[in-house]
Amino acid sequence: MAAGSEQRFAQQLKKGVLEMLVLRFLAENPSHGYELIVRLREKSGGLLELKEGTLYPILYRLEEEGCITSVWNSPDGKVSVGKIPRRVYTVTDAGHAMLTRQCETWHHFVDCVEQCMEGESQ
């Protein structure tokens, strides 16, 4: 597989799991966007290096669907000395239910792919 094809394949795989991973990380610990970017990068060994332009549309969509909620860590949303207000995201009951369904789908998909790959030369 050519380098461009490999990169395109990896990008498509990432796109398919980002929403699930964002929900998973938020279920572990409510976070602001930049913190999620750092955690995804660290936990994935750098493979999931996201830009804000990739993450925030996912967060907005999840919030619109009722899977997460957000609040400003500063009640009035104003900047105080040394403290930048950040929107902190938390998973809702609907988000936990969606995460469960997505994980089930993911595991079924991985099992299916592994079954198809059995016996294939690498």
PDB file of N, CA and C in Angstrom:
ATOM      1  N   MET A   1       0.856  -1.179   0.000  1.00  0.00           N
ATOM      2  CA  MET A   1       0.000   0.000   0.000  1.00  0.00           C
ATOM      3  C   MET A   1       0.897   1.235   0.000  1.00  0.00           C
ATOM      4  N   ALA A   2       0.613   2.184  -0.869  1.00  0.00           N
ATOM      5  CA  ALA A   2       1.403   3.404  -0.962  1.00  0.00           C
ATOM      6  C   ALA A   2       1.206   4.243   0.296  1.00  0.00           C
ATOM      7  N   ALA A   3       2.189   5.096   0.578  1.00  0.00           N
ATOM      8  CA  ALA A   3       2.153   5.921   1.795  1.00  0.00           C
ATOM      9  C   ALA A   3       0.884   6.762   1.867  1.00  0.00           C
ATOM     10  N   GLY A   4       0.472   7.352   0.749  1.00  0.00           N
ATOM     11  CA  GLY A   4      -0.743   8.163   0.730  1.00  0.00           C
ATOM     12  C   GLY A   4      -1.976   7.332   1.052  1.00  0.00           C
ATOM     13  N   SER A   5      -2.016   6.115   0.537  1.00  0.00           N
ATOM     14  CA  SER A   5      -3.149   5.220   0.809  1.00  0.00           C
ATOM     15  C   SER A   5      -3.181   4.814   2.268  1.00  0.00           C
ATOM     16  N   GLU A   6      -2.009   4.541   2.833  1.00  0.00           N
ATOM     17  CA  GLU A   6      -1.933   4.176   4.247  1.00  0.00           C
ATOM     18  C   GLU A   6      -2.404   5.320   5.131  1.00  0.00           C
ATOM     19  N   GLN A   7      -1.990   6.530   4.793  1.00  0.00           N
ATOM     20  CA  GLN A   7      -2.386   7.697   5.581  1.00  0.00           C
ATOM     21  C   GLN A   7      -3.894   7.915   5.481  1.00  0.00           C
ATOM     22  N   ARG A   8      -4.450   7.780   4.287  1.00  0.00           N
ATOM     23  CA  ARG A   8      -5.890   7.953   4.088  1.00  0.00           C
ATOM     24  C   ARG A   8      -6.672   6.893   4.866  1.00  0.00           C
ATOM     25  N   PHE A   9      -6.187   5.655   4.845  1.00  0.00           N
ATOM     26  CA  PHE A   9      -6.814   4.550   5.581  1.00  0.00           C
ATOM     27  C   PHE A   9      -6.813   4.844   7.082  1.00  0.00           C
ATOM     28  N   ALA A  10      -5.674   5.286   7.622  1.00  0.00           N
ATOM     29  CA  ALA A  10      -5.558   5.615   9.048  1.00  0.00           C
ATOM     30  C   ALA A  10      -6.487   6.768   9.413  1.00  0.00           C
ATOM     31  N   GLN A  11      -6.600   7.777   8.549  1.00  0.00           N
ATOM     32  CA  GLN A  11      -7.482   8.911   8.825  1.00  0.00           C
ATOM     33  C   GLN A  11      -8.941   8.464   8.890  1.00  0.00           C
ATOM     34  N   GLN A  12      -9.344   7.578   7.998  1.00  0.00           N
ATOM     35  CA  GLN A  12     -10.723   7.095   8.006  1.00  0.00           C
ATOM     36  C   GLN A  12     -11.016   6.282   9.267  1.00  0.00           C
ATOM     37  N   LEU A  13     -10.058   5.489   9.706  1.00  0.00           N
ATOM     38  CA  LEU A  13     -10.239   4.730  10.950  1.00  0.00           C
ATOM     39  C   LEU A  13     -10.424   5.679  12.130  1.00  0.00           C
ATOM     40  N   LYS A  14      -9.596   6.721  12.195  1.00  0.00           N
ATOM     41  CA  LYS A  14      -9.687   7.688  13.295  1.00  0.00           C
ATOM     42  C   LYS A  14     -11.043   8.377  13.305  1.00  0.00           C
ATOM     43  N   LYS A  15     -11.501   8.812  12.137  1.00  0.00           N
ATOM     44  CA  LYS A  15     -12.787   9.503  12.054  1.00  0.00           C
ATOM     45  C   LYS A  15     -13.905   8.648  12.616  1.00  0.00           C
ATOM     46  N   GLY A  16     -13.822   7.348  12.395  1.00  0.00           N
ATOM     47  CA  GLY A  16     -14.878   6.450  12.824  1.00  0.00           C
ATOM     48  C   GLY A  16     -14.956   6.232  14.320  1.00  0.00           C
ATOM     49  N   VAL A  17     -13.881   6.520  15.045  1.00  0.00           N
ATOM     50  CA  VAL A  17     -13.885   6.226  16.485  1.00  0.00           C
ATOM     51  C   VAL A  17     -13.776   7.456  17.385  1.00  0.00           C
ATOM     52  N   LEU A  18     -13.582   8.619  16.821  1.00  0.00           N
ATOM     53  CA  LEU A  18     -13.353   9.806  17.654  1.00  0.00           C
ATOM     54  C   LEU A  18     -14.515  10.118  18.586  1.00  0.00           C
ATOM     55  N   GLU A  19     -15.737  10.049  18.081  1.00  0.00           N
ATOM     56  CA  GLU A  19     -16.893  10.353  18.931  1.00  0.00           C
ATOM     57  C   GLU A  19     -16.947   9.398  20.123  1.00  0.00           C
ATOM     58  N   MET A  20     -16.728   8.119  19.864  1.00  0.00           N
ATOM     59  CA  MET A  20     -16.749   7.125  20.936  1.00  0.00           C
ATOM     60  C   MET A  20     -15.645   7.416  21.960  1.00  0.00           C
ATOM     61  N   LEU A  21     -14.453   7.750  21.491  1.00  0.00           N
ATOM     62  CA  LEU A  21     -13.344   8.025  22.405  1.00  0.00           C
ATOM     63  C   LEU A  21     -13.577   9.298  23.212  1.00  0.00           C
ATOM     64  N   VAL A  22     -14.147  10.309  22.590  1.00  0.00           N
ATOM     65  CA  VAL A  22     -14.463  11.546  23.318  1.00  0.00           C
ATOM     66  C   VAL A  22     -15.462  11.242  24.430  1.00  0.00           C
ATOM     67  N   LEU A  23     -16.525  10.490  24.111  1.00  0.00           N
ATOM     68  CA  LEU A  23     -17.495  10.109  25.137  1.00  0.00           C
ATOM     69  C   LEU A  23     -16.827   9.302  26.242  1.00  0.00           C
ATOM     70  N   ARG A  24     -15.955   8.382  25.860  1.00  0.00           N
ATOM     71  CA  ARG A  24     -15.270   7.522  26.833  1.00  0.00           C
ATOM     72  C   ARG A  24     -14.431   8.353  27.797  1.00  0.00           C
ATOM     73  N   PHE A  25     -13.658   9.283  27.256  1.00  0.00           N
ATOM     74  CA  PHE A  25     -12.806  10.109  28.107  1.00  0.00           C
ATOM     75  C   PHE A  25     -13.633  11.026  29.003  1.00  0.00           C
ATOM     76  N   LEU A  26     -14.715  11.577  28.459  1.00  0.00           N
ATOM     77  CA  LEU A  26     -15.569  12.443  29.273  1.00  0.00           C
ATOM     78  C   LEU A  26     -16.314  11.647  30.339  1.00  0.00           C
ATOM     79  N   ALA A  27     -16.622  10.382  30.061  1.00  0.00           N
ATOM     80  CA  ALA A  27     -17.268   9.528  31.065  1.00  0.00           C
ATOM     81  C   ALA A  27     -16.315   9.278  32.231  1.00  0.00           C
ATOM     82  N   GLU A  28     -15.021   9.207  31.946  1.00  0.00           N
ATOM     83  CA  GLU A  28     -14.015   9.016  32.996  1.00  0.00           C
ATOM     84  C   GLU A  28     -13.830  10.282  33.818  1.00  0.00           C
ATOM     85  N   ASN A  29     -13.855  11.445  33.121  1.00  0.00           N
ATOM     86  CA  ASN A  29     -13.531  12.693  33.801  1.00  0.00           C
ATOM     87  C   ASN A  29     -14.032  13.879  32.974  1.00  0.00           C
ATOM     88  N   PRO A  30     -14.972  14.675  33.502  1.00  0.00           N
ATOM     89  CA  PRO A  30     -15.390  15.875  32.777  1.00  0.00           C
ATOM     90  C   PRO A  30     -14.157  16.723  32.438  1.00  0.00           C
ATOM     91  N   SER A  31     -14.149  17.283  31.234  1.00  0.00           N
ATOM     92  CA  SER A  31     -12.952  17.977  30.757  1.00  0.00           C
ATOM     93  C   SER A  31     -13.323  19.126  29.839  1.00  0.00           C
ATOM     94  N   HIS A  32     -12.361  20.018  29.625  1.00  0.00           N
ATOM     95  CA  HIS A  32     -12.501  21.049  28.601  1.00  0.00           C
ATOM     96  C   HIS A  32     -11.810  20.535  27.335  1.00  0.00           C
ATOM     97  N   GLY A  33     -12.058  21.204  26.241  1.00  0.00           N
ATOM     98  CA  GLY A  33     -11.576  20.729  24.942  1.00  0.00           C
ATOM     99  C   GLY A  33     -10.084  20.501  24.860  1.00  0.00           C
ATOM    100  N   TYR A  34      -9.293  21.477  25.282  1.00  0.00           N
ATOM    101  CA  TYR A  34      -7.850  21.320  25.175  1.00  0.00           C
ATOM    102  C   TYR A  34      -7.365  20.121  25.988  1.00  0.00           C
ATOM    103  N   GLU A  35      -7.952  19.921  27.154  1.00  0.00           N
ATOM    104  CA  GLU A  35      -7.586  18.774  27.984  1.00  0.00           C
ATOM    105  C   GLU A  35      -7.882  17.457  27.251  1.00  0.00           C
ATOM    106  N   LEU A  36      -9.001  17.407  26.534  1.00  0.00           N
ATOM    107  CA  LEU A  36      -9.327  16.214  25.747  1.00  0.00           C
ATOM    108  C   LEU A  36      -8.295  15.979  24.650  1.00  0.00           C
ATOM    109  N   ILE A  37      -7.887  17.044  23.987  1.00  0.00           N
ATOM    110  CA  ILE A  37      -6.871  16.933  22.934  1.00  0.00           C
ATOM    111  C   ILE A  37      -5.589  16.344  23.502  1.00  0.00           C
ATOM    112  N   VAL A  38      -5.161  16.844  24.649  1.00  0.00           N
ATOM    113  CA  VAL A  38      -3.935  16.359  25.288  1.00  0.00           C
ATOM    114  C   VAL A  38      -4.086  14.894  25.704  1.00  0.00           C
ATOM    115  N   ARG A  39      -5.210  14.559  26.334  1.00  0.00           N
ATOM    116  CA  ARG A  39      -5.422  13.179  26.791  1.00  0.00           C
ATOM    117  C   ARG A  39      -5.470  12.201  25.621  1.00  0.00           C
ATOM    118  N   LEU A  40      -6.147  12.574  24.541  1.00  0.00           N
ATOM    119  CA  LEU A  40      -6.205  11.701  23.362  1.00  0.00           C
ATOM    120  C   LEU A  40      -4.807  11.487  22.779  1.00  0.00           C
ATOM    121  N   ARG A  41      -4.043  12.573  22.683  1.00  0.00           N
ATOM    122  CA  ARG A  41      -2.684  12.466  22.144  1.00  0.00           C
ATOM    123  C   ARG A  41      -1.817  11.575  23.032  1.00  0.00           C
ATOM    124  N   GLU A  42      -1.852  11.804  24.348  1.00  0.00           N
ATOM    125  CA  GLU A  42      -1.015  11.036  25.271  1.00  0.00           C
ATOM    126  C   GLU A  42      -1.428   9.570  25.311  1.00  0.00           C
ATOM    127  N   LYS A  43      -2.727   9.305  25.437  1.00  0.00           N
ATOM    128  CA  LYS A  43      -3.213   7.933  25.572  1.00  0.00           C
ATOM    129  C   LYS A  43      -2.959   7.129  24.295  1.00  0.00           C
ATOM    130  N   SER A  44      -2.951   7.808  23.139  1.00  0.00           N
ATOM    131  CA  SER A  44      -2.767   7.106  21.863  1.00  0.00           C
ATOM    132  C   SER A  44      -1.307   7.082  21.407  1.00  0.00           C
ATOM    133  N   GLY A  45      -0.414   7.573  22.232  1.00  0.00           N
ATOM    134  CA  GLY A  45       0.992   7.613  21.836  1.00  0.00           C
ATOM    135  C   GLY A  45       1.232   8.524  20.644  1.00  0.00           C
ATOM    136  N   GLY A  46       0.370   9.544  20.496  1.00  0.00           N
ATOM    137  CA  GLY A  46       0.531  10.515  19.418  1.00  0.00           C
ATOM    138  C   GLY A  46      -0.245  10.188  18.153  1.00  0.00           C
ATOM    139  N   LEU A  47      -0.828   9.017  18.073  1.00  0.00           N
ATOM    140  CA  LEU A  47      -1.575   8.628  16.871  1.00  0.00           C
ATOM    141  C   LEU A  47      -2.811   9.505  16.681  1.00  0.00           C
ATOM    142  N   LEU A  48      -3.465   9.870  17.785  1.00  0.00           N
ATOM    143  CA  LEU A  48      -4.665  10.705  17.712  1.00  0.00           C
ATOM    144  C   LEU A  48      -4.313  12.145  18.066  1.00  0.00           C
ATOM    145  N   GLU A  49      -3.641  12.791  17.160  1.00  0.00           N
ATOM    146  CA  GLU A  49      -3.226  14.184  17.304  1.00  0.00           C
ATOM    147  C   GLU A  49      -4.311  15.042  16.654  1.00  0.00           C
ATOM    148  N   LEU A  50      -5.236  15.551  17.478  1.00  0.00           N
ATOM    149  CA  LEU A  50      -6.373  16.299  16.955  1.00  0.00           C
ATOM    150  C   LEU A  50      -6.132  17.789  16.994  1.00  0.00           C
ATOM    151  N   LYS A  51      -6.753  18.454  16.041  1.00  0.00           N
ATOM    152  CA  LYS A  51      -6.780  19.913  16.050  1.00  0.00           C
ATOM    153  C   LYS A  51      -8.132  20.327  16.627  1.00  0.00           C
ATOM    154  N   GLU A  52      -8.193  21.549  17.124  1.00  0.00           N
ATOM    155  CA  GLU A  52      -9.448  22.049  17.690  1.00  0.00           C
ATOM    156  C   GLU A  52     -10.570  21.988  16.662  1.00  0.00           C
ATOM    157  N   GLY A  53     -10.230  22.222  15.393  1.00  0.00           N
ATOM    158  CA  GLY A  53     -11.217  22.201  14.320  1.00  0.00           C
ATOM    159  C   GLY A  53     -11.806  20.823  14.073  1.00  0.00           C
ATOM    160  N   THR A  54     -11.174  19.796  14.600  1.00  0.00           N
ATOM    161  CA  THR A  54     -11.716  18.440  14.517  1.00  0.00           C
ATOM    162  C   THR A  54     -12.526  18.117  15.761  1.00  0.00           C
ATOM    163  N   LEU A  55     -12.019  18.485  16.926  1.00  0.00           N
ATOM    164  CA  LEU A  55     -12.674  18.133  18.187  1.00  0.00           C
ATOM    165  C   LEU A  55     -13.957  18.913  18.451  1.00  0.00           C
ATOM    166  N   TYR A  56     -13.922  20.219  18.285  1.00  0.00           N
ATOM    167  CA  TYR A  56     -15.068  21.025  18.709  1.00  0.00           C
ATOM    168  C   TYR A  56     -16.363  20.715  17.948  1.00  0.00           C
ATOM    169  N   PRO A  57     -16.328  20.444  16.653  1.00  0.00           N
ATOM    170  CA  PRO A  57     -17.572  20.025  15.998  1.00  0.00           C
ATOM    171  C   PRO A  57     -18.154  18.740  16.600  1.00  0.00           C
ATOM    172  N   ILE A  58     -17.295  17.834  17.039  1.00  0.00           N
ATOM    173  CA  ILE A  58     -17.764  16.608  17.702  1.00  0.00           C
ATOM    174  C   ILE A  58     -18.434  16.969  19.017  1.00  0.00           C
ATOM    175  N   LEU A  59     -17.798  17.832  19.801  1.00  0.00           N
ATOM    176  CA  LEU A  59     -18.376  18.250  21.083  1.00  0.00           C
ATOM    177  C   LEU A  59     -19.707  18.968  20.882  1.00  0.00           C
ATOM    178  N   TYR A  60     -19.771  19.858  19.900  1.00  0.00           N
ATOM    179  CA  TYR A  60     -21.018  20.594  19.645  1.00  0.00           C
ATOM    180  C   TYR A  60     -22.134  19.638  19.223  1.00  0.00           C
ATOM    181  N   ARG A  61     -21.805  18.674  18.369  1.00  0.00           N
ATOM    182  CA  ARG A  61     -22.803  17.707  17.912  1.00  0.00           C
ATOM    183  C   ARG A  61     -23.300  16.848  19.081  1.00  0.00           C
ATOM    184  N   LEU A  62     -22.374  16.373  19.916  1.00  0.00           N
ATOM    185  CA  LEU A  62     -22.758  15.558  21.074  1.00  0.00           C
ATOM    186  C   LEU A  62     -23.635  16.354  22.035  1.00  0.00           C
ATOM    187  N   GLU A  63     -23.321  17.631  22.189  1.00  0.00           N
ATOM    188  CA  GLU A  63     -24.126  18.465  23.086  1.00  0.00           C
ATOM    189  C   GLU A  63     -25.520  18.699  22.482  1.00  0.00           C
ATOM    190  N   GLU A  64     -25.563  18.942  21.188  1.00  0.00           N
ATOM    191  CA  GLU A  64     -26.840  19.146  20.506  1.00  0.00           C
ATOM    192  C   GLU A  64     -27.724  17.896  20.603  1.00  0.00           C
ATOM    193  N   GLU A  65     -27.109  16.720  20.583  1.00  0.00           N
ATOM    194  CA  GLU A  65     -27.841  15.458  20.667  1.00  0.00           C
ATOM    195  C   GLU A  65     -28.206  15.082  22.106  1.00  0.00           C
ATOM    196  N   GLY A  66     -27.749  15.882  23.081  1.00  0.00           N
ATOM    197  CA  GLY A  66     -28.070  15.622  24.478  1.00  0.00           C
ATOM    198  C   GLY A  66     -27.184  14.576  25.135  1.00  0.00           C
ATOM    199  N   CYS A  67     -26.067  14.249  24.499  1.00  0.00           N
ATOM    200  CA  CYS A  67     -25.151  13.238  25.048  1.00  0.00           C
ATOM    201  C   CYS A  67     -24.161  13.826  26.046  1.00  0.00           C
ATOM    202  N   ILE A  68     -23.919  15.119  25.935  1.00  0.00           N
ATOM    203  CA  ILE A  68     -23.047  15.808  26.887  1.00  0.00           C
ATOM    204  C   ILE A  68     -23.677  17.159  27.213  1.00  0.00           C
ATOM    205  N   THR A  69     -23.265  17.708  28.329  1.00  0.00           N
ATOM    206  CA  THR A  69     -23.633  19.075  28.700  1.00  0.00           C
ATOM    207  C   THR A  69     -22.342  19.831  28.958  1.00  0.00           C
ATOM    208  N   SER A  70     -22.440  21.142  28.982  1.00  0.00           N
ATOM    209  CA  SER A  70     -21.248  21.933  29.263  1.00  0.00           C
ATOM    210  C   SER A  70     -21.603  23.102  30.158  1.00  0.00           C
ATOM    211  N   VAL A  71     -20.645  23.494  30.954  1.00  0.00           N
ATOM    212  CA  VAL A  71     -20.765  24.682  31.804  1.00  0.00           C
ATOM    213  C   VAL A  71     -19.422  25.399  31.774  1.00  0.00           C
ATOM    214  N   TRP A  72     -19.474  26.696  31.987  1.00  0.00           N
ATOM    215  CA  TRP A  72     -18.235  27.458  32.106  1.00  0.00           C
ATOM    216  C   TRP A  72     -17.652  27.206  33.491  1.00  0.00           C
ATOM    217  N   ASN A  73     -16.336  27.006  33.564  1.00  0.00           N
ATOM    218  CA  ASN A  73     -15.712  26.789  34.868  1.00  0.00           C
ATOM    219  C   ASN A  73     -15.665  28.077  35.678  1.00  0.00           C
ATOM    220  N   SER A  74     -15.948  29.190  35.059  1.00  0.00           N
ATOM    221  CA  SER A  74     -16.090  30.467  35.740  1.00  0.00           C
ATOM    222  C   SER A  74     -17.566  30.829  35.629  1.00  0.00           C
ATOM    223  N   PRO A  75     -18.290  30.958  36.752  1.00  0.00           N
ATOM    224  CA  PRO A  75     -19.742  31.151  36.708  1.00  0.00           C
ATOM    225  C   PRO A  75     -20.213  32.269  35.778  1.00  0.00           C
ATOM    226  N   ASP A  76     -19.459  33.379  35.727  1.00  0.00           N
ATOM    227  CA  ASP A  76     -19.891  34.487  34.880  1.00  0.00           C
ATOM    228  C   ASP A  76     -19.218  34.451  33.508  1.00  0.00           C
ATOM    229  N   GLY A  77     -18.342  33.468  33.289  1.00  0.00           N
ATOM    230  CA  GLY A  77     -17.673  33.346  32.005  1.00  0.00           C
ATOM    231  C   GLY A  77     -16.620  34.411  31.760  1.00  0.00           C
ATOM    232  N   LYS A  78     -16.297  35.209  32.781  1.00  0.00           N
ATOM    233  CA  LYS A  78     -15.324  36.279  32.629  1.00  0.00           C
ATOM    234  C   LYS A  78     -13.934  35.799  33.054  1.00  0.00           C
ATOM    235  N   VAL A  79     -12.959  36.457  32.490  1.00  0.00           N
ATOM    236  CA  VAL A  79     -11.573  36.147  32.816  1.00  0.00           C
ATOM    237  C   VAL A  79     -11.210  36.809  34.139  1.00  0.00           C
ATOM    238  N   SER A  80     -10.710  36.014  35.077  1.00  0.00           N
ATOM    239  CA  SER A  80     -10.172  36.587  36.304  1.00  0.00           C
ATOM    240  C   SER A  80      -8.654  36.440  36.229  1.00  0.00           C
ATOM    241  N   VAL A  81      -7.962  37.091  37.100  1.00  0.00           N
ATOM    242  CA  VAL A  81      -6.504  37.094  37.046  1.00  0.00           C
ATOM    243  C   VAL A  81      -5.973  35.660  37.041  1.00  0.00           C
ATOM    244  N   GLY A  82      -5.217  35.339  35.999  1.00  0.00           N
ATOM    245  CA  GLY A  82      -4.596  34.026  35.905  1.00  0.00           C
ATOM    246  C   GLY A  82      -5.555  32.877  35.617  1.00  0.00           C
ATOM    247  N   LYS A  83      -6.806  33.167  35.351  1.00  0.00           N
ATOM    248  CA  LYS A  83      -7.788  32.097  35.140  1.00  0.00           C
ATOM    249  C   LYS A  83      -8.577  32.375  33.858  1.00  0.00           C
ATOM    250  N   ILE A  84      -8.417  31.526  32.880  1.00  0.00           N
ATOM    251  CA  ILE A  84      -9.156  31.661  31.632  1.00  0.00           C
ATOM    252  C   ILE A  84     -10.414  30.811  31.741  1.00  0.00           C
ATOM    253  N   PRO A  85     -11.586  31.389  31.450  1.00  0.00           N
ATOM    254  CA  PRO A  85     -12.798  30.562  31.513  1.00  0.00           C
ATOM    255  C   PRO A  85     -12.770  29.500  30.419  1.00  0.00           C
ATOM    256  N   ARG A  86     -13.169  28.305  30.787  1.00  0.00           N
ATOM    257  CA  ARG A  86     -13.204  27.197  29.837  1.00  0.00           C
ATOM    258  C   ARG A  86     -14.535  26.483  29.986  1.00  0.00           C
ATOM    259  N   ARG A  87     -14.998  25.970  28.875  1.00  0.00           N
ATOM    260  CA  ARG A  87     -16.233  25.200  28.887  1.00  0.00           C
ATOM    261  C   ARG A  87     -15.871  23.757  29.232  1.00  0.00           C
ATOM    262  N   VAL A  88     -16.458  23.253  30.312  1.00  0.00           N
ATOM    263  CA  VAL A  88     -16.183  21.894  30.774  1.00  0.00           C
ATOM    264  C   VAL A  88     -17.355  21.000  30.365  1.00  0.00           C
ATOM    265  N   TYR A  89     -17.041  19.887  29.717  1.00  0.00           N
ATOM    266  CA  TYR A  89     -18.045  18.974  29.173  1.00  0.00           C
ATOM    267  C   TYR A  89     -18.208  17.761  30.077  1.00  0.00           C
ATOM    268  N   THR A  90     -19.459  17.334  30.250  1.00  0.00           N
ATOM    269  CA  THR A  90     -19.808  16.190  31.093  1.00  0.00           C
ATOM    270  C   THR A  90     -20.777  15.303  30.326  1.00  0.00           C
ATOM    271  N   VAL A  91     -20.642  13.996  30.483  1.00  0.00           N
ATOM    272  CA  VAL A  91     -21.533  13.047  29.812  1.00  0.00           C
ATOM    273  C   VAL A  91     -22.863  12.961  30.567  1.00  0.00           C
ATOM    274  N   THR A  92     -23.954  12.940  29.814  1.00  0.00           N
ATOM    275  CA  THR A  92     -25.295  12.790  30.381  1.00  0.00           C
ATOM    276  C   THR A  92     -25.667  11.299  30.406  1.00  0.00           C
ATOM    277  N   ASP A  93     -26.822  10.992  30.979  1.00  0.00           N
ATOM    278  CA  ASP A  93     -27.310   9.604  30.951  1.00  0.00           C
ATOM    279  C   ASP A  93     -27.473   9.123  29.515  1.00  0.00           C
ATOM    280  N   ALA A  94     -27.985   9.991  28.651  1.00  0.00           N
ATOM    281  CA  ALA A  94     -28.136   9.625  27.236  1.00  0.00           C
ATOM    282  C   ALA A  94     -26.772   9.359  26.602  1.00  0.00           C
ATOM    283  N   GLY A  95     -25.769  10.135  27.007  1.00  0.00           N
ATOM    284  CA  GLY A  95     -24.414   9.934  26.496  1.00  0.00           C
ATOM    285  C   GLY A  95     -23.816   8.618  26.959  1.00  0.00           C
ATOM    286  N   HIS A  96     -24.070   8.251  28.217  1.00  0.00           N
ATOM    287  CA  HIS A  96     -23.593   6.955  28.714  1.00  0.00           C
ATOM    288  C   HIS A  96     -24.246   5.816  27.937  1.00  0.00           C
ATOM    289  N   ALA A  97     -25.539   5.957  27.658  1.00  0.00           N
ATOM    290  CA  ALA A  97     -26.242   4.925  26.893  1.00  0.00           C
ATOM    291  C   ALA A  97     -25.679   4.840  25.474  1.00  0.00           C
ATOM    292  N   MET A  98     -25.410   5.982  24.860  1.00  0.00           N
ATOM    293  CA  MET A  98     -24.837   5.985  23.515  1.00  0.00           C
ATOM    294  C   MET A  98     -23.441   5.355  23.526  1.00  0.00           C
ATOM    295  N   LEU A  99     -22.645   5.694  24.533  1.00  0.00           N
ATOM    296  CA  LEU A  99     -21.306   5.125  24.641  1.00  0.00           C
ATOM    297  C   LEU A  99     -21.371   3.606  24.741  1.00  0.00           C
ATOM    298  N   THR A 100     -22.297   3.095  25.524  1.00  0.00           N
ATOM    299  CA  THR A 100     -22.466   1.646  25.646  1.00  0.00           C
ATOM    300  C   THR A 100     -22.785   1.034  24.295  1.00  0.00           C
ATOM    301  N   ARG A 101     -23.716   1.637  23.562  1.00  0.00           N
ATOM    302  CA  ARG A 101     -24.088   1.112  22.235  1.00  0.00           C
ATOM    303  C   ARG A 101     -22.920   1.197  21.265  1.00  0.00           C
ATOM    304  N   GLN A 102     -22.198   2.313  21.293  1.00  0.00           N
ATOM    305  CA  GLN A 102     -21.060   2.465  20.389  1.00  0.00           C
ATOM    306  C   GLN A 102     -19.964   1.457  20.696  1.00  0.00           C
ATOM    307  N   CYS A 103     -19.711   1.206  21.973  1.00  0.00           N
ATOM    308  CA  CYS A 103     -18.696   0.215  22.355  1.00  0.00           C
ATOM    309  C   CYS A 103     -19.100  -1.179  21.887  1.00  0.00           C
ATOM    310  N   GLU A 104     -20.376  -1.516  22.037  1.00  0.00           N
ATOM    311  CA  GLU A 104     -20.864  -2.811  21.563  1.00  0.00           C
ATOM    312  C   GLU A 104     -20.675  -2.932  20.053  1.00  0.00           C
ATOM    313  N   THR A 105     -21.030  -1.878  19.331  1.00  0.00           N
ATOM    314  CA  THR A 105     -20.866  -1.873  17.874  1.00  0.00           C
ATOM    315  C   THR A 105     -19.391  -1.988  17.505  1.00  0.00           C
ATOM    316  N   TRP A 106     -18.543  -1.243  18.220  1.00  0.00           N
ATOM    317  CA  TRP A 106     -17.101  -1.275  17.960  1.00  0.00           C
ATOM    318  C   TRP A 106     -16.543  -2.685  18.161  1.00  0.00           C
ATOM    319  N   HIS A 107     -16.881  -3.319  19.281  1.00  0.00           N
ATOM    320  CA  HIS A 107     -16.359  -4.664  19.554  1.00  0.00           C
ATOM    321  C   HIS A 107     -16.863  -5.670  18.526  1.00  0.00           C
ATOM    322  N   HIS A 108     -18.114  -5.542  18.117  1.00  0.00           N
ATOM    323  CA  HIS A 108     -18.660  -6.413  17.086  1.00  0.00           C
ATOM    324  C   HIS A 108     -17.909  -6.204  15.768  1.00  0.00           C
ATOM    325  N   PHE A 109     -17.640  -4.947  15.433  1.00  0.00           N
ATOM    326  CA  PHE A 109     -16.919  -4.616  14.211  1.00  0.00           C
ATOM    327  C   PHE A 109     -15.496  -5.175  14.240  1.00  0.00           C
ATOM    328  N   VAL A 110     -14.795  -4.979  15.356  1.00  0.00           N
ATOM    329  CA  VAL A 110     -13.420  -5.485  15.483  1.00  0.00           C
ATOM    330  C   VAL A 110     -13.407  -7.007  15.363  1.00  0.00           C
ATOM    331  N   ASP A 111     -14.340  -7.667  16.021  1.00  0.00           N
ATOM    332  CA  ASP A 111     -14.427  -9.131  15.922  1.00  0.00           C
ATOM    333  C   ASP A 111     -14.651  -9.561  14.481  1.00  0.00           C
ATOM    334  N   CYS A 112     -15.527  -8.861  13.784  1.00  0.00           N
ATOM    335  CA  CYS A 112     -15.829  -9.178  12.396  1.00  0.00           C
ATOM    336  C   CYS A 112     -14.589  -9.015  11.512  1.00  0.00           C
ATOM    337  N   VAL A 113     -13.882  -7.894  11.674  1.00  0.00           N
ATOM    338  CA  VAL A 113     -12.677  -7.648  10.878  1.00  0.00           C
ATOM    339  C   VAL A 113     -11.619  -8.695  11.190  1.00  0.00           C
ATOM    340  N   GLU A 114     -11.419  -8.997  12.474  1.00  0.00           N
ATOM    341  CA  GLU A 114     -10.437 -10.016  12.846  1.00  0.00           C
ATOM    342  C   GLU A 114     -10.793 -11.364  12.258  1.00  0.00           C
ATOM    343  N   GLN A 115     -12.071 -11.718  12.264  1.00  0.00           N
ATOM    344  CA  GLN A 115     -12.508 -12.977  11.689  1.00  0.00           C
ATOM    345  C   GLN A 115     -12.221 -13.013  10.186  1.00  0.00           C
ATOM    346  N   CYS A 116     -12.464 -11.909   9.522  1.00  0.00           N
ATOM    347  CA  CYS A 116     -12.191 -11.828   8.082  1.00  0.00           C
ATOM    348  C   CYS A 116     -10.695 -11.894   7.789  1.00  0.00           C
ATOM    349  N   MET A 117      -9.891 -11.388   8.693  1.00  0.00           N
ATOM    350  CA  MET A 117      -8.431 -11.345   8.476  1.00  0.00           C
ATOM    351  C   MET A 117      -7.736 -12.647   8.845  1.00  0.00           C
ATOM    352  N   GLU A 118      -8.414 -13.538   9.564  1.00  0.00           N
ATOM    353  CA  GLU A 118      -7.782 -14.799   9.987  1.00  0.00           C
ATOM    354  C   GLU A 118      -7.283 -15.552   8.771  1.00  0.00           C
ATOM    355  N   GLY A 119      -6.043 -16.003   8.881  1.00  0.00           N
ATOM    356  CA  GLY A 119      -5.459 -16.800   7.827  1.00  0.00           C
ATOM    357  C   GLY A 119      -4.917 -15.971   6.686  1.00  0.00           C
ATOM    358  N   GLU A 120      -5.110 -14.671   6.709  1.00  0.00           N
ATOM    359  CA  GLU A 120      -4.586 -13.816   5.643  1.00  0.00           C
ATOM    360  C   GLU A 120      -3.106 -13.562   5.890  1.00  0.00           C
ATOM    361  N   SER A 121      -2.338 -13.517   4.812  1.00  0.00           N
ATOM    362  CA  SER A 121      -0.919 -13.188   4.958  1.00  0.00           C
ATOM    363  C   SER A 121      -0.800 -11.701   5.221  1.00  0.00           C
ATOM    364  N   GLN A 122       0.223 -11.332   5.978  1.00  0.00           N
ATOM    365  CA  GLN A 122       0.359  -9.936   6.365  1.00  0.00           C
ATOM    366  C   GLN A 122       1.463  -9.291   5.669  1.00  0.00           C
TER     367      GLN A 122
END
